[in-house]
N, C-alpha and C. Protein backbone atom coordinates (compact mmCIF):
# COMPACT_ATOMS: atom_id res chain seq x y z
N MET A 1 0.84 -1.17 0.00
CA MET A 1 0.00 0.00 0.00
C MET A 1 0.89 1.24 0.00
N LYS A 2 0.60 2.17 -0.88
CA LYS A 2 1.43 3.37 -0.96
C LYS A 2 0.99 4.40 0.08
N ARG A 3 1.92 5.25 0.42
CA ARG A 3 1.62 6.31 1.40
C ARG A 3 0.69 7.33 0.79
N PRO A 4 -0.25 7.83 1.59
CA PRO A 4 -1.15 8.87 1.07
C PRO A 4 -0.42 10.20 0.93
N GLU A 5 -0.94 11.02 0.05
CA GLU A 5 -0.41 12.37 -0.12
C GLU A 5 -0.63 13.16 1.16
N ARG A 6 0.39 13.90 1.59
CA ARG A 6 0.23 14.75 2.77
C ARG A 6 -0.53 16.00 2.37
N LEU A 7 -1.57 16.30 3.11
CA LEU A 7 -2.42 17.45 2.84
C LEU A 7 -2.32 18.44 4.00
N PRO A 8 -2.81 19.66 3.81
CA PRO A 8 -2.80 20.63 4.92
C PRO A 8 -3.59 20.08 6.12
N PRO A 9 -3.18 20.42 7.34
CA PRO A 9 -3.84 19.90 8.53
C PRO A 9 -5.33 20.23 8.62
N ASP A 10 -5.78 21.30 7.98
CA ASP A 10 -7.19 21.66 8.06
C ASP A 10 -8.04 21.00 6.97
N ASP A 11 -7.43 20.15 6.16
CA ASP A 11 -8.16 19.44 5.10
C ASP A 11 -8.74 18.16 5.70
N PRO A 12 -10.06 17.94 5.62
CA PRO A 12 -10.67 16.73 6.19
C PRO A 12 -10.07 15.44 5.66
N ARG A 13 -9.56 15.46 4.44
CA ARG A 13 -8.94 14.25 3.89
C ARG A 13 -7.67 13.87 4.66
N GLU A 14 -6.99 14.88 5.20
CA GLU A 14 -5.80 14.58 6.00
C GLU A 14 -6.19 13.89 7.30
N TRP A 15 -7.32 14.28 7.88
CA TRP A 15 -7.81 13.60 9.09
C TRP A 15 -8.09 12.13 8.79
N MET A 16 -8.66 11.84 7.62
CA MET A 16 -8.91 10.45 7.24
C MET A 16 -7.60 9.71 7.01
N ASN A 17 -6.64 10.38 6.39
CA ASN A 17 -5.32 9.76 6.21
C ASN A 17 -4.70 9.40 7.56
N ARG A 18 -4.82 10.31 8.52
CA ARG A 18 -4.25 10.06 9.85
C ARG A 18 -4.98 8.91 10.53
N ALA A 19 -6.31 8.85 10.38
CA ALA A 19 -7.07 7.76 10.98
C ALA A 19 -6.65 6.42 10.39
N ARG A 20 -6.46 6.38 9.07
CA ARG A 20 -6.00 5.13 8.44
C ARG A 20 -4.60 4.75 8.93
N SER A 21 -3.76 5.74 9.12
CA SER A 21 -2.41 5.49 9.63
C SER A 21 -2.47 4.93 11.05
N ASN A 22 -3.28 5.54 11.91
CA ASN A 22 -3.43 5.05 13.28
C ASN A 22 -3.96 3.62 13.29
N LEU A 23 -4.92 3.33 12.43
CA LEU A 23 -5.48 1.98 12.37
C LEU A 23 -4.43 0.97 11.90
N ALA A 24 -3.63 1.35 10.92
CA ALA A 24 -2.57 0.46 10.44
C ALA A 24 -1.57 0.17 11.57
N LEU A 25 -1.24 1.19 12.35
CA LEU A 25 -0.33 0.99 13.48
C LEU A 25 -0.95 0.06 14.52
N ALA A 26 -2.24 0.24 14.78
CA ALA A 26 -2.92 -0.58 15.78
C ALA A 26 -2.99 -2.05 15.34
N LYS A 27 -3.14 -2.27 14.05
CA LYS A 27 -3.24 -3.65 13.53
C LYS A 27 -1.88 -4.35 13.48
N ASN A 28 -0.81 -3.58 13.48
CA ASN A 28 0.53 -4.14 13.37
C ASN A 28 0.99 -4.59 14.75
N ARG A 29 0.84 -5.87 15.03
CA ARG A 29 1.19 -6.40 16.34
C ARG A 29 2.69 -6.60 16.44
N VAL A 30 3.32 -5.79 17.24
CA VAL A 30 4.75 -5.86 17.47
C VAL A 30 4.95 -6.40 18.88
N ALA A 31 5.76 -7.42 18.99
CA ALA A 31 5.95 -8.07 20.30
C ALA A 31 6.43 -7.10 21.38
N GLU A 32 7.24 -6.11 20.98
CA GLU A 32 7.79 -5.17 21.95
C GLU A 32 6.82 -4.05 22.32
N ALA A 33 5.70 -3.93 21.61
CA ALA A 33 4.76 -2.83 21.86
C ALA A 33 3.85 -3.16 23.05
N TYR A 34 3.58 -2.15 23.84
CA TYR A 34 2.62 -2.30 24.93
C TYR A 34 1.21 -2.37 24.35
N LEU A 35 0.37 -3.20 24.97
CA LEU A 35 -1.02 -3.31 24.55
C LEU A 35 -1.71 -1.94 24.64
N GLU A 36 -1.36 -1.17 25.66
CA GLU A 36 -1.96 0.15 25.83
C GLU A 36 -1.67 1.06 24.64
N ASP A 37 -0.47 0.94 24.07
CA ASP A 37 -0.12 1.76 22.91
C ASP A 37 -0.92 1.35 21.69
N LEU A 38 -1.13 0.05 21.51
CA LEU A 38 -1.97 -0.41 20.39
C LEU A 38 -3.41 0.06 20.57
N CYS A 39 -3.89 0.02 21.79
CA CYS A 39 -5.25 0.50 22.07
C CYS A 39 -5.36 2.00 21.80
N PHE A 40 -4.33 2.74 22.14
CA PHE A 40 -4.33 4.18 21.89
C PHE A 40 -4.44 4.45 20.40
N GLU A 41 -3.67 3.73 19.58
CA GLU A 41 -3.73 3.92 18.14
C GLU A 41 -5.13 3.58 17.60
N ALA A 42 -5.73 2.52 18.13
CA ALA A 42 -7.08 2.15 17.70
C ALA A 42 -8.08 3.25 18.07
N GLN A 43 -7.92 3.80 19.27
CA GLN A 43 -8.81 4.89 19.71
C GLN A 43 -8.61 6.12 18.84
N GLN A 44 -7.38 6.44 18.50
CA GLN A 44 -7.12 7.57 17.64
C GLN A 44 -7.76 7.39 16.26
N ALA A 45 -7.74 6.17 15.75
CA ALA A 45 -8.33 5.90 14.45
C ALA A 45 -9.83 6.13 14.48
N ALA A 46 -10.45 5.79 15.60
CA ALA A 46 -11.89 5.98 15.72
C ALA A 46 -12.22 7.46 15.79
């Protein structure tokens, strides 16, 4: 999957890009990551 184009912070599409990024981080289970950090990323995506 390619990286999305970076848009100005006030563009609603950038908020969606950030939500997708947070969700991708939350789905990426890394053994060294704290569960709380994964939950935070999932919450940010929502």
